[in-house]
Amino acid sequence: RLVFLVKYFDFYQFYRKRDFLPAAELLVNLLDSKITPEYF
């Protein structure tokens, strides 16, 4: 769960900096990671 939090925070940072390509790659990886909590 902490891994998911850190990786999502990285996505959050990329997105805020409008660095969309790594943000998109990271987001897709999170969707495929099987560690996403149900409520999120």
PDB file of all heavy atoms in Angstrom:
ATOM      1  N   ARG A   1       0.826  -1.198   0.000  1.00  0.00           N
ATOM      2  CA  ARG A   1       0.000   0.000   0.000  1.00  0.00           C
ATOM      3  C   ARG A   1       0.867   1.257   0.000  1.00  0.00           C
ATOM      4  O   ARG A   1       0.529   2.266  -0.619  1.00  0.00           O
ATOM      5  CB  ARG A   1      -0.911  -0.009   1.225  1.00  0.00           C
ATOM      6  CG  ARG A   1      -2.035   1.017   1.207  1.00  0.00           C
ATOM      7  CD  ARG A   1      -2.991   0.830   0.008  1.00  0.00           C
ATOM      8  NE  ARG A   1      -3.346  -0.529  -0.235  1.00  0.00           N
ATOM      9  CZ  ARG A   1      -4.291  -1.194   0.404  1.00  0.00           C
ATOM     10  NH1 ARG A   1      -4.992  -0.599   1.343  1.00  0.00           N
ATOM     11  NH2 ARG A   1      -4.556  -2.449   0.099  1.00  0.00           N
ATOM     12  N   LEU A   2       2.007   1.181   0.726  1.00  0.00           N
ATOM     13  CA  LEU A   2       2.932   2.313   0.743  1.00  0.00           C
ATOM     14  C   LEU A   2       3.588   2.480  -0.629  1.00  0.00           C
ATOM     15  O   LEU A   2       3.819   3.613  -1.073  1.00  0.00           O
ATOM     16  CB  LEU A   2       3.997   2.098   1.822  1.00  0.00           C
ATOM     17  CG  LEU A   2       4.964   3.259   2.053  1.00  0.00           C
ATOM     18  CD1 LEU A   2       4.208   4.530   2.449  1.00  0.00           C
ATOM     19  CD2 LEU A   2       5.994   2.908   3.122  1.00  0.00           C
ATOM     20  N   VAL A   3       3.882   1.344  -1.302  1.00  0.00           N
ATOM     21  CA  VAL A   3       4.424   1.421  -2.669  1.00  0.00           C
ATOM     22  C   VAL A   3       3.442   2.149  -3.573  1.00  0.00           C
ATOM     23  O   VAL A   3       3.820   3.038  -4.360  1.00  0.00           O
ATOM     24  CB  VAL A   3       4.716   0.005  -3.217  1.00  0.00           C
ATOM     25  CG1 VAL A   3       5.100   0.080  -4.689  1.00  0.00           C
ATOM     26  CG2 VAL A   3       5.820  -0.657  -2.415  1.00  0.00           C
ATOM     27  N   PHE A   4       2.149   1.805  -3.451  1.00  0.00           N
ATOM     28  CA  PHE A   4       1.139   2.464  -4.278  1.00  0.00           C
ATOM     29  C   PHE A   4       1.074   3.962  -3.968  1.00  0.00           C
ATOM     30  O   PHE A   4       0.980   4.791  -4.882  1.00  0.00           O
ATOM     31  CB  PHE A   4      -0.231   1.819  -4.035  1.00  0.00           C
ATOM     32  CG  PHE A   4      -1.327   2.466  -4.822  1.00  0.00           C
ATOM     33  CD1 PHE A   4      -1.558   2.127  -6.137  1.00  0.00           C
ATOM     34  CD2 PHE A   4      -2.131   3.453  -4.246  1.00  0.00           C
ATOM     35  CE1 PHE A   4      -2.567   2.745  -6.875  1.00  0.00           C
ATOM     36  CE2 PHE A   4      -3.132   4.076  -4.963  1.00  0.00           C
ATOM     37  CZ  PHE A   4      -3.348   3.721  -6.286  1.00  0.00           C
ATOM     38  N   LEU A   5       1.130   4.313  -2.671  1.00  0.00           N
ATOM     39  CA  LEU A   5       1.077   5.720  -2.283  1.00  0.00           C
ATOM     40  C   LEU A   5       2.238   6.498  -2.890  1.00  0.00           C
ATOM     41  O   LEU A   5       2.047   7.595  -3.450  1.00  0.00           O
ATOM     42  CB  LEU A   5       1.107   5.835  -0.759  1.00  0.00           C
ATOM     43  CG  LEU A   5       1.240   7.249  -0.182  1.00  0.00           C
ATOM     44  CD1 LEU A   5       0.031   8.110  -0.573  1.00  0.00           C
ATOM     45  CD2 LEU A   5       1.412   7.199   1.333  1.00  0.00           C
ATOM     46  N   VAL A   6       3.449   5.945  -2.792  1.00  0.00           N
ATOM     47  CA  VAL A   6       4.632   6.637  -3.316  1.00  0.00           C
ATOM     48  C   VAL A   6       4.548   6.775  -4.832  1.00  0.00           C
ATOM     49  O   VAL A   6       4.823   7.852  -5.396  1.00  0.00           O
ATOM     50  CB  VAL A   6       5.911   5.887  -2.905  1.00  0.00           C
ATOM     51  CG1 VAL A   6       7.138   6.496  -3.590  1.00  0.00           C
ATOM     52  CG2 VAL A   6       6.085   5.925  -1.387  1.00  0.00           C
ATOM     53  N   LYS A   7       4.160   5.698  -5.519  1.00  0.00           N
ATOM     54  CA  LYS A   7       4.083   5.753  -6.977  1.00  0.00           C
ATOM     55  C   LYS A   7       2.972   6.687  -7.444  1.00  0.00           C
ATOM     56  O   LYS A   7       3.127   7.407  -8.440  1.00  0.00           O
ATOM     57  CB  LYS A   7       3.865   4.342  -7.538  1.00  0.00           C
ATOM     58  CG  LYS A   7       5.053   3.412  -7.344  1.00  0.00           C
ATOM     59  CD  LYS A   7       6.311   3.986  -7.989  1.00  0.00           C
ATOM     60  CE  LYS A   7       7.511   3.088  -7.814  1.00  0.00           C
ATOM     61  NZ  LYS A   7       8.747   3.690  -8.386  1.00  0.00           N
ATOM     62  N   TYR A   8       1.859   6.671  -6.737  1.00  0.00           N
ATOM     63  CA  TYR A   8       0.801   7.602  -7.113  1.00  0.00           C
ATOM     64  C   TYR A   8       1.242   9.045  -6.862  1.00  0.00           C
ATOM     65  O   TYR A   8       0.906   9.952  -7.636  1.00  0.00           O
ATOM     66  CB  TYR A   8      -0.490   7.313  -6.337  1.00  0.00           C
ATOM     67  CG  TYR A   8      -1.615   8.225  -6.766  1.00  0.00           C
ATOM     68  CD1 TYR A   8      -2.336   7.961  -7.930  1.00  0.00           C
ATOM     69  CD2 TYR A   8      -1.929   9.372  -6.053  1.00  0.00           C
ATOM     70  CE1 TYR A   8      -3.344   8.809  -8.356  1.00  0.00           C
ATOM     71  CE2 TYR A   8      -2.933  10.223  -6.464  1.00  0.00           C
ATOM     72  CZ  TYR A   8      -3.635   9.936  -7.620  1.00  0.00           C
ATOM     73  OH  TYR A   8      -4.623  10.792  -8.051  1.00  0.00           O
ATOM     74  N   PHE A   9       2.005   9.245  -5.793  1.00  0.00           N
ATOM     75  CA  PHE A   9       2.520  10.597  -5.530  1.00  0.00           C
ATOM     76  C   PHE A   9       3.463  11.029  -6.652  1.00  0.00           C
ATOM     77  O   PHE A   9       3.457  12.211  -7.056  1.00  0.00           O
ATOM     78  CB  PHE A   9       3.255  10.625  -4.189  1.00  0.00           C
ATOM     79  CG  PHE A   9       3.837  11.962  -3.859  1.00  0.00           C
ATOM     80  CD1 PHE A   9       3.031  12.995  -3.385  1.00  0.00           C
ATOM     81  CD2 PHE A   9       5.190  12.223  -4.053  1.00  0.00           C
ATOM     82  CE1 PHE A   9       3.566  14.241  -3.091  1.00  0.00           C
ATOM     83  CE2 PHE A   9       5.722  13.465  -3.766  1.00  0.00           C
ATOM     84  CZ  PHE A   9       4.919  14.479  -3.277  1.00  0.00           C
ATOM     85  N   ASP A  10       4.271  10.107  -7.198  1.00  0.00           N
ATOM     86  CA  ASP A  10       5.136  10.436  -8.334  1.00  0.00           C
ATOM     87  C   ASP A  10       4.290  10.860  -9.535  1.00  0.00           C
ATOM     88  O   ASP A  10       4.619  11.834 -10.233  1.00  0.00           O
ATOM     89  CB  ASP A  10       6.000   9.228  -8.699  1.00  0.00           C
ATOM     90  CG  ASP A  10       7.038   8.913  -7.629  1.00  0.00           C
ATOM     91  OD1 ASP A  10       7.308   9.807  -6.792  1.00  0.00           O
ATOM     92  OD2 ASP A  10       7.566   7.782  -7.616  1.00  0.00           O
ATOM     93  N   PHE A  11       3.199  10.098  -9.779  1.00  0.00           N
ATOM     94  CA  PHE A  11       2.283  10.485 -10.854  1.00  0.00           C
ATOM     95  C   PHE A  11       1.707  11.882 -10.600  1.00  0.00           C
ATOM     96  O   PHE A  11       1.639  12.728 -11.499  1.00  0.00           O
ATOM     97  CB  PHE A  11       1.152   9.462 -10.957  1.00  0.00           C
ATOM     98  CG  PHE A  11      -0.065   9.984 -11.666  1.00  0.00           C
ATOM     99  CD1 PHE A  11      -0.099  10.102 -13.055  1.00  0.00           C
ATOM    100  CD2 PHE A  11      -1.189  10.396 -10.945  1.00  0.00           C
ATOM    101  CE1 PHE A  11      -1.228  10.614 -13.705  1.00  0.00           C
ATOM    102  CE2 PHE A  11      -2.306  10.894 -11.586  1.00  0.00           C
ATOM    103  CZ  PHE A  11      -2.328  11.008 -12.979  1.00  0.00           C
ATOM    104  N   TYR A  12       1.340  12.101  -9.356  1.00  0.00           N
ATOM    105  CA  TYR A  12       0.771  13.389  -8.942  1.00  0.00           C
ATOM    106  C   TYR A  12       1.753  14.529  -9.225  1.00  0.00           C
ATOM    107  O   TYR A  12       1.372  15.601  -9.702  1.00  0.00           O
ATOM    108  CB  TYR A  12       0.438  13.285  -7.454  1.00  0.00           C
ATOM    109  CG  TYR A  12      -0.073  14.541  -6.789  1.00  0.00           C
ATOM    110  CD1 TYR A  12      -1.407  14.927  -6.901  1.00  0.00           C
ATOM    111  CD2 TYR A  12       0.782  15.324  -6.012  1.00  0.00           C
ATOM    112  CE1 TYR A  12      -1.872  16.059  -6.257  1.00  0.00           C
ATOM    113  CE2 TYR A  12       0.324  16.466  -5.370  1.00  0.00           C
ATOM    114  CZ  TYR A  12      -1.007  16.834  -5.494  1.00  0.00           C
ATOM    115  OH  TYR A  12      -1.464  17.965  -4.859  1.00  0.00           O
ATOM    116  N   GLN A  13       3.045  14.287  -8.949  1.00  0.00           N
ATOM    117  CA  GLN A  13       4.067  15.296  -9.186  1.00  0.00           C
ATOM    118  C   GLN A  13       4.273  15.551 -10.678  1.00  0.00           C
ATOM    119  O   GLN A  13       4.382  16.704 -11.128  1.00  0.00           O
ATOM    120  CB  GLN A  13       5.396  14.854  -8.552  1.00  0.00           C
ATOM    121  CG  GLN A  13       5.378  14.822  -7.029  1.00  0.00           C
ATOM    122  CD  GLN A  13       5.271  16.221  -6.428  1.00  0.00           C
ATOM    123  OE1 GLN A  13       4.161  16.761  -6.264  1.00  0.00           O
ATOM    124  NE2 GLN A  13       6.413  16.804  -6.120  1.00  0.00           N
ATOM    125  N   PHE A  14       4.353  14.459 -11.470  1.00  0.00           N
ATOM    126  CA  PHE A  14       4.500  14.612 -12.925  1.00  0.00           C
ATOM    127  C   PHE A  14       3.332  15.409 -13.502  1.00  0.00           C
ATOM    128  O   PHE A  14       3.508  16.281 -14.361  1.00  0.00           O
ATOM    129  CB  PHE A  14       4.570  13.241 -13.608  1.00  0.00           C
ATOM    130  CG  PHE A  14       5.890  12.544 -13.436  1.00  0.00           C
ATOM    131  CD1 PHE A  14       5.948  11.195 -13.107  1.00  0.00           C
ATOM    132  CD2 PHE A  14       7.083  13.230 -13.621  1.00  0.00           C
ATOM    133  CE1 PHE A  14       7.159  10.563 -12.948  1.00  0.00           C
ATOM    134  CE2 PHE A  14       8.306  12.591 -13.468  1.00  0.00           C
ATOM    135  CZ  PHE A  14       8.343  11.256 -13.132  1.00  0.00           C
ATOM    136  N   TYR A  15       2.150  15.075 -13.008  1.00  0.00           N
ATOM    137  CA  TYR A  15       0.955  15.723 -13.548  1.00  0.00           C
ATOM    138  C   TYR A  15       0.950  17.219 -13.232  1.00  0.00           C
ATOM    139  O   TYR A  15       0.598  18.048 -14.082  1.00  0.00           O
ATOM    140  CB  TYR A  15      -0.288  15.044 -12.963  1.00  0.00           C
ATOM    141  CG  TYR A  15      -1.559  15.356 -13.730  1.00  0.00           C
ATOM    142  CD1 TYR A  15      -1.954  14.541 -14.786  1.00  0.00           C
ATOM    143  CD2 TYR A  15      -2.359  16.447 -13.399  1.00  0.00           C
ATOM    144  CE1 TYR A  15      -3.124  14.816 -15.495  1.00  0.00           C
ATOM    145  CE2 TYR A  15      -3.515  16.729 -14.111  1.00  0.00           C
ATOM    146  CZ  TYR A  15      -3.900  15.911 -15.157  1.00  0.00           C
ATOM    147  OH  TYR A  15      -5.030  16.195 -15.869  1.00  0.00           O
ATOM    148  N   ARG A  16       1.347  17.578 -11.999  1.00  0.00           N
ATOM    149  CA  ARG A  16       1.384  18.985 -11.611  1.00  0.00           C
ATOM    150  C   ARG A  16       2.403  19.764 -12.433  1.00  0.00           C
ATOM    151  O   ARG A  16       2.219  20.948 -12.718  1.00  0.00           O
ATOM    152  CB  ARG A  16       1.726  19.116 -10.124  1.00  0.00           C
ATOM    153  CG  ARG A  16       0.595  18.710  -9.196  1.00  0.00           C
ATOM    154  CD  ARG A  16       0.959  18.956  -7.750  1.00  0.00           C
ATOM    155  NE  ARG A  16       1.219  20.366  -7.497  1.00  0.00           N
ATOM    156  CZ  ARG A  16       1.748  20.844  -6.378  1.00  0.00           C
ATOM    157  NH1 ARG A  16       2.094  19.993  -5.413  1.00  0.00           N
ATOM    158  NH2 ARG A  16       1.947  22.132  -6.231  1.00  0.00           N
ATOM    159  N   LYS A  17       3.493  19.099 -12.828  1.00  0.00           N
ATOM    160  CA  LYS A  17       4.520  19.761 -13.626  1.00  0.00           C
ATOM    161  C   LYS A  17       4.196  19.719 -15.131  1.00  0.00           C
ATOM    162  O   LYS A  17       5.018  20.154 -15.946  1.00  0.00           O
ATOM    163  CB  LYS A  17       5.873  19.091 -13.378  1.00  0.00           C
ATOM    164  CG  LYS A  17       6.373  19.222 -11.938  1.00  0.00           C
ATOM    165  CD  LYS A  17       7.665  18.434 -11.746  1.00  0.00           C
ATOM    166  CE  LYS A  17       8.150  18.504 -10.311  1.00  0.00           C
ATOM    167  NZ  LYS A  17       9.370  17.688 -10.098  1.00  0.00           N
ATOM    168  N   ARG A  18       3.009  19.129 -15.471  1.00  0.00           N
ATOM    169  CA  ARG A  18       2.560  19.004 -16.859  1.00  0.00           C
ATOM    170  C   ARG A  18       3.530  18.158 -17.670  1.00  0.00           C
ATOM    171  O   ARG A  18       3.692  18.342 -18.884  1.00  0.00           O
ATOM    172  CB  ARG A  18       2.375  20.384 -17.497  1.00  0.00           C
ATOM    173  CG  ARG A  18       1.430  21.283 -16.702  1.00  0.00           C
ATOM    174  CD  ARG A  18       1.153  22.589 -17.436  1.00  0.00           C
ATOM    175  NE  ARG A  18       0.387  22.374 -18.652  1.00  0.00           N
ATOM    176  CZ  ARG A  18      -0.934  22.178 -18.696  1.00  0.00           C
ATOM    177  NH1 ARG A  18      -1.641  22.200 -17.573  1.00  0.00           N
ATOM    178  NH2 ARG A  18      -1.551  21.998 -19.854  1.00  0.00           N
ATOM    179  N   ASP A  19       4.160  17.240 -16.977  1.00  0.00           N
ATOM    180  CA  ASP A  19       5.035  16.280 -17.650  1.00  0.00           C
ATOM    181  C   ASP A  19       4.196  15.041 -17.925  1.00  0.00           C
ATOM    182  O   ASP A  19       4.254  14.033 -17.221  1.00  0.00           O
ATOM    183  CB  ASP A  19       6.222  15.970 -16.730  1.00  0.00           C
ATOM    184  CG  ASP A  19       7.391  15.366 -17.484  1.00  0.00           C
ATOM    185  OD1 ASP A  19       7.217  15.074 -18.673  1.00  0.00           O
ATOM    186  OD2 ASP A  19       8.465  15.185 -16.868  1.00  0.00           O
ATOM    187  N   PHE A  20       3.379  15.100 -18.981  1.00  0.00           N
ATOM    188  CA  PHE A  20       2.282  14.152 -19.164  1.00  0.00           C
ATOM    189  C   PHE A  20       2.720  12.759 -19.616  1.00  0.00           C
ATOM    190  O   PHE A  20       2.080  11.771 -19.277  1.00  0.00           O
ATOM    191  CB  PHE A  20       1.277  14.726 -20.156  1.00  0.00           C
ATOM    192  CG  PHE A  20       0.593  15.960 -19.650  1.00  0.00           C
ATOM    193  CD1 PHE A  20       0.690  17.160 -20.345  1.00  0.00           C
ATOM    194  CD2 PHE A  20      -0.139  15.927 -18.473  1.00  0.00           C
ATOM    195  CE1 PHE A  20       0.060  18.308 -19.877  1.00  0.00           C
ATOM    196  CE2 PHE A  20      -0.767  17.065 -17.998  1.00  0.00           C
ATOM    197  CZ  PHE A  20      -0.657  18.258 -18.693  1.00  0.00           C
ATOM    198  N   LEU A  21       3.781  12.672 -20.416  1.00  0.00           N
ATOM    199  CA  LEU A  21       4.183  11.353 -20.918  1.00  0.00           C
ATOM    200  C   LEU A  21       4.604  10.406 -19.789  1.00  0.00           C
ATOM    201  O   LEU A  21       4.076   9.288 -19.704  1.00  0.00           O
ATOM    202  CB  LEU A  21       5.306  11.512 -21.949  1.00  0.00           C
ATOM    203  CG  LEU A  21       4.855  12.078 -23.302  1.00  0.00           C
ATOM    204  CD1 LEU A  21       6.050  12.272 -24.222  1.00  0.00           C
ATOM    205  CD2 LEU A  21       3.845  11.136 -23.965  1.00  0.00           C
ATOM    206  N   PRO A  22       5.552  10.802 -18.896  1.00  0.00           N
ATOM    207  CA  PRO A  22       5.863   9.886 -17.780  1.00  0.00           C
ATOM    208  C   PRO A  22       4.683   9.708 -16.834  1.00  0.00           C
ATOM    209  O   PRO A  22       4.531   8.649 -16.221  1.00  0.00           O
ATOM    210  CB  PRO A  22       7.054  10.559 -17.090  1.00  0.00           C
ATOM    211  CG  PRO A  22       7.027  11.972 -17.513  1.00  0.00           C
ATOM    212  CD  PRO A  22       6.439  11.987 -18.888  1.00  0.00           C
ATOM    213  N   ALA A  23       3.838  10.751 -16.701  1.00  0.00           N
ATOM    214  CA  ALA A  23       2.661  10.631 -15.847  1.00  0.00           C
ATOM    215  C   ALA A  23       1.716   9.570 -16.385  1.00  0.00           C
ATOM    216  O   ALA A  23       1.198   8.731 -15.637  1.00  0.00           O
ATOM    217  CB  ALA A  23       1.944  11.975 -15.738  1.00  0.00           C
ATOM    218  N   ALA A  24       1.524   9.587 -17.695  1.00  0.00           N
ATOM    219  CA  ALA A  24       0.629   8.603 -18.305  1.00  0.00           C
ATOM    220  C   ALA A  24       1.180   7.196 -18.166  1.00  0.00           C
ATOM    221  O   ALA A  24       0.457   6.241 -17.847  1.00  0.00           O
ATOM    222  CB  ALA A  24       0.427   8.952 -19.779  1.00  0.00           C
ATOM    223  N   GLU A  25       2.509   7.054 -18.395  1.00  0.00           N
ATOM    224  CA  GLU A  25       3.131   5.730 -18.274  1.00  0.00           C
ATOM    225  C   GLU A  25       2.999   5.194 -16.848  1.00  0.00           C
ATOM    226  O   GLU A  25       2.671   4.018 -16.638  1.00  0.00           O
ATOM    227  CB  GLU A  25       4.601   5.839 -18.671  1.00  0.00           C
ATOM    228  CG  GLU A  25       5.339   4.519 -18.602  1.00  0.00           C
ATOM    229  CD  GLU A  25       6.814   4.668 -18.950  1.00  0.00           C
ATOM    230  OE1 GLU A  25       7.251   5.782 -19.276  1.00  0.00           O
ATOM    231  OE2 GLU A  25       7.539   3.652 -18.863  1.00  0.00           O
ATOM    232  N   LEU A  26       3.220   6.067 -15.890  1.00  0.00           N
ATOM    233  CA  LEU A  26       3.133   5.652 -14.486  1.00  0.00           C
ATOM    234  C   LEU A  26       1.699   5.297 -14.112  1.00  0.00           C
ATOM    235  O   LEU A  26       1.458   4.339 -13.369  1.00  0.00           O
ATOM    236  CB  LEU A  26       3.658   6.784 -13.592  1.00  0.00           C
ATOM    237  CG  LEU A  26       3.936   6.446 -12.123  1.00  0.00           C
ATOM    238  CD1 LEU A  26       4.822   5.221 -11.996  1.00  0.00           C
ATOM    239  CD2 LEU A  26       4.589   7.631 -11.438  1.00  0.00           C
ATOM    240  N   LEU A  27       0.742   6.058 -14.630  1.00  0.00           N
ATOM    241  CA  LEU A  27      -0.657   5.790 -14.318  1.00  0.00           C
ATOM    242  C   LEU A  27      -1.091   4.433 -14.854  1.00  0.00           C
ATOM    243  O   LEU A  27      -1.763   3.656 -14.156  1.00  0.00           O
ATOM    244  CB  LEU A  27      -1.534   6.892 -14.910  1.00  0.00           C
ATOM    245  CG  LEU A  27      -3.032   6.784 -14.614  1.00  0.00           C
ATOM    246  CD1 LEU A  27      -3.284   6.877 -13.117  1.00  0.00           C
ATOM    247  CD2 LEU A  27      -3.803   7.871 -15.348  1.00  0.00           C
ATOM    248  N   VAL A  28      -0.693   4.124 -16.087  1.00  0.00           N
ATOM    249  CA  VAL A  28      -1.044   2.827 -16.668  1.00  0.00           C
ATOM    250  C   VAL A  28      -0.396   1.691 -15.876  1.00  0.00           C
ATOM    251  O   VAL A  28      -1.009   0.645 -15.637  1.00  0.00           O
ATOM    252  CB  VAL A  28      -0.619   2.792 -18.154  1.00  0.00           C
ATOM    253  CG1 VAL A  28      -0.815   1.381 -18.722  1.00  0.00           C
ATOM    254  CG2 VAL A  28      -1.430   3.791 -18.964  1.00  0.00           C
ATOM    255  N   ASN A  29       0.858   1.908 -15.458  1.00  0.00           N
ATOM    256  CA  ASN A  29       1.535   0.885 -14.656  1.00  0.00           C
ATOM    257  C   ASN A  29       0.805   0.644 -13.333  1.00  0.00           C
ATOM    258  O   ASN A  29       0.713  -0.498 -12.863  1.00  0.00           O
ATOM    259  CB  ASN A  29       2.975   1.313 -14.373  1.00  0.00           C
ATOM    260  CG  ASN A  29       3.856   1.232 -15.599  1.00  0.00           C
ATOM    261  OD1 ASN A  29       3.550   0.481 -16.543  1.00  0.00           O
ATOM    262  ND2 ASN A  29       4.939   1.998 -15.618  1.00  0.00           N
ATOM    263  N   LEU A  30       0.287   1.705 -12.738  1.00  0.00           N
ATOM    264  CA  LEU A  30      -0.474   1.551 -11.489  1.00  0.00           C
ATOM    265  C   LEU A  30      -1.755   0.765 -11.725  1.00  0.00           C
ATOM    266  O   LEU A  30      -2.158  -0.058 -10.893  1.00  0.00           O
ATOM    267  CB  LEU A  30      -0.792   2.925 -10.896  1.00  0.00           C
ATOM    268  CG  LEU A  30       0.374   3.658 -10.215  1.00  0.00           C
ATOM    269  CD1 LEU A  30      -0.063   5.053  -9.795  1.00  0.00           C
ATOM    270  CD2 LEU A  30       0.872   2.888  -9.000  1.00  0.00           C
ATOM    271  N   LEU A  31      -2.411   1.015 -12.865  1.00  0.00           N
ATOM    272  CA  LEU A  31      -3.643   0.287 -13.178  1.00  0.00           C
ATOM    273  C   LEU A  31      -3.378  -1.205 -13.343  1.00  0.00           C
ATOM    274  O   LEU A  31      -4.210  -2.045 -12.989  1.00  0.00           O
ATOM    275  CB  LEU A  31      -4.267   0.855 -14.446  1.00  0.00           C
ATOM    276  CG  LEU A  31      -4.892   2.253 -14.320  1.00  0.00           C
ATOM    277  CD1 LEU A  31      -5.231   2.814 -15.687  1.00  0.00           C
ATOM    278  CD2 LEU A  31      -6.137   2.217 -13.449  1.00  0.00           C
ATOM    279  N   ASP A  32      -2.186  -1.526 -13.858  1.00  0.00           N
ATOM    280  CA  ASP A  32      -1.851  -2.931 -14.108  1.00  0.00           C
ATOM    281  C   ASP A  32      -1.154  -3.605 -12.919  1.00  0.00           C
ATOM    282  O   ASP A  32      -0.878  -4.797 -12.964  1.00  0.00           O
ATOM    283  CB  ASP A  32      -0.922  -3.033 -15.327  1.00  0.00           C
ATOM    284  CG  ASP A  32      -1.656  -2.673 -16.623  1.00  0.00           C
ATOM    285  OD1 ASP A  32      -2.886  -2.831 -16.656  1.00  0.00           O
ATOM    286  OD2 ASP A  32      -0.993  -2.237 -17.568  1.00  0.00           O
ATOM    287  N   SER A  33      -0.863  -2.839 -11.868  1.00  0.00           N
ATOM    288  CA  SER A  33       0.004  -3.339 -10.795  1.00  0.00           C
ATOM    289  C   SER A  33      -0.665  -4.318  -9.842  1.00  0.00           C
ATOM    290  O   SER A  33       0.016  -4.990  -9.069  1.00  0.00           O
ATOM    291  CB  SER A  33       0.542  -2.152  -9.989  1.00  0.00           C
ATOM    292  OG  SER A  33      -0.531  -1.501  -9.320  1.00  0.00           O
ATOM    293  N   LYS A  34      -1.954  -4.374  -9.805  1.00  0.00           N
ATOM    294  CA  LYS A  34      -2.703  -5.240  -8.881  1.00  0.00           C
ATOM    295  C   LYS A  34      -2.553  -4.825  -7.409  1.00  0.00           C
ATOM    296  O   LYS A  34      -2.902  -5.589  -6.508  1.00  0.00           O
ATOM    297  CB  LYS A  34      -2.263  -6.712  -9.020  1.00  0.00           C
ATOM    298  CG  LYS A  34      -2.328  -7.260 -10.415  1.00  0.00           C
ATOM    299  CD  LYS A  34      -3.741  -7.256 -10.978  1.00  0.00           C
ATOM    300  CE  LYS A  34      -3.772  -7.893 -12.366  1.00  0.00           C
ATOM    301  NZ  LYS A  34      -5.148  -7.845 -12.956  1.00  0.00           N
ATOM    302  N   ILE A  35      -2.025  -3.625  -7.152  1.00  0.00           N
ATOM    303  CA  ILE A  35      -1.872  -3.173  -5.763  1.00  0.00           C
ATOM    304  C   ILE A  35      -2.784  -1.984  -5.472  1.00  0.00           C
ATOM    305  O   ILE A  35      -2.700  -1.380  -4.396  1.00  0.00           O
ATOM    306  CB  ILE A  35      -0.414  -2.784  -5.441  1.00  0.00           C
ATOM    307  CG1 ILE A  35       0.063  -1.645  -6.337  1.00  0.00           C
ATOM    308  CG2 ILE A  35       0.496  -3.986  -5.539  1.00  0.00           C
ATOM    309  CD1 ILE A  35       1.432  -1.115  -5.958  1.00  0.00           C
ATOM    310  N   THR A  36      -3.655  -1.630  -6.437  1.00  0.00           N
ATOM    311  CA  THR A  36      -4.562  -0.507  -6.235  1.00  0.00           C
ATOM    312  C   THR A  36      -5.671  -0.903  -5.262  1.00  0.00           C
ATOM    313  O   THR A  36      -6.363  -1.902  -5.490  1.00  0.00           O
ATOM    314  CB  THR A  36      -5.197  -0.062  -7.555  1.00  0.00           C
ATOM    315  OG1 THR A  36      -4.157   0.245  -8.489  1.00  0.00           O
ATOM    316  CG2 THR A  36      -6.072   1.164  -7.356  1.00  0.00           C
ATOM    317  N   PRO A  37      -5.838  -0.179  -4.173  1.00  0.00           N
ATOM    318  CA  PRO A  37      -6.930  -0.501  -3.232  1.00  0.00           C
ATOM    319  C   PRO A  37      -8.289  -0.233  -3.865  1.00  0.00           C
ATOM    320  O   PRO A  37      -8.438   0.666  -4.714  1.00  0.00           O
ATOM    321  CB  PRO A  37      -6.670   0.430  -2.050  1.00  0.00           C
ATOM    322  CG  PRO A  37      -5.839   1.535  -2.583  1.00  0.00           C
ATOM    323  CD  PRO A  37      -5.037   0.974  -3.714  1.00  0.00           C
ATOM    324  N   GLU A  38      -9.259  -0.988  -3.439  1.00  0.00           N
ATOM    325  CA  GLU A  38     -10.599  -0.904  -4.030  1.00  0.00           C
ATOM    326  C   GLU A  38     -11.179   0.505  -3.977  1.00  0.00           C
ATOM    327  O   GLU A  38     -11.734   1.002  -4.954  1.00  0.00           O
ATOM    328  CB  GLU A  38     -11.518  -1.879  -3.291  1.00  0.00           C
ATOM    329  CG  GLU A  38     -12.943  -1.910  -3.806  1.00  0.00           C
ATOM    330  CD  GLU A  38     -13.817  -2.834  -2.982  1.00  0.00           C
ATOM    331  OE1 GLU A  38     -13.887  -4.031  -3.292  1.00  0.00           O
ATOM    332  OE2 GLU A  38     -14.420  -2.332  -2.001  1.00  0.00           O
ATOM    333  N   TYR A  39     -11.011   1.171  -2.831  1.00  0.00           N
ATOM    334  CA  TYR A  39     -11.612   2.490  -2.669  1.00  0.00           C
ATOM    335  C   TYR A  39     -10.961   3.556  -3.552  1.00  0.00           C
ATOM    336  O   TYR A  39     -11.517   4.636  -3.729  1.00  0.00           O
ATOM    337  CB  TYR A  39     -11.514   2.930  -1.202  1.00  0.00           C
ATOM    338  CG  TYR A  39     -10.104   3.052  -0.676  1.00  0.00           C
ATOM    339  CD1 TYR A  39      -9.329   4.173  -0.936  1.00  0.00           C
ATOM    340  CD2 TYR A  39      -9.548   2.018   0.072  1.00  0.00           C
ATOM    341  CE1 TYR A  39      -8.025   4.269  -0.459  1.00  0.00           C
ATOM    342  CE2 TYR A  39      -8.252   2.115   0.550  1.00  0.00           C
ATOM    343  CZ  TYR A  39      -7.494   3.232   0.285  1.00  0.00           C
ATOM    344  OH  TYR A  39      -6.213   3.338   0.740  1.00  0.00           O
ATOM    345  N   PHE A  40      -9.783   3.242  -4.138  1.00  0.00           N
ATOM    346  CA  PHE A  40      -9.082   4.256  -4.922  1.00  0.00           C
ATOM    347  C   PHE A  40      -9.302   4.108  -6.429  1.00  0.00           C
ATOM    348  O   PHE A  40      -8.853   4.935  -7.211  1.00  0.00           O
ATOM    349  CB  PHE A  40      -7.577   4.200  -4.610  1.00  0.00           C
ATOM    350  CG  PHE A  40      -6.871   5.510  -4.781  1.00  0.00           C
ATOM    351  CD1 PHE A  40      -6.988   6.504  -3.817  1.00  0.00           C
ATOM    352  CD2 PHE A  40      -6.115   5.778  -5.916  1.00  0.00           C
ATOM    353  CE1 PHE A  40      -6.355   7.724  -3.970  1.00  0.00           C
ATOM    354  CE2 PHE A  40      -5.472   6.994  -6.079  1.00  0.00           C
ATOM    355  CZ  PHE A  40      -5.593   7.970  -5.109  1.00  0.00           C
TER     356      PHE A  40
END
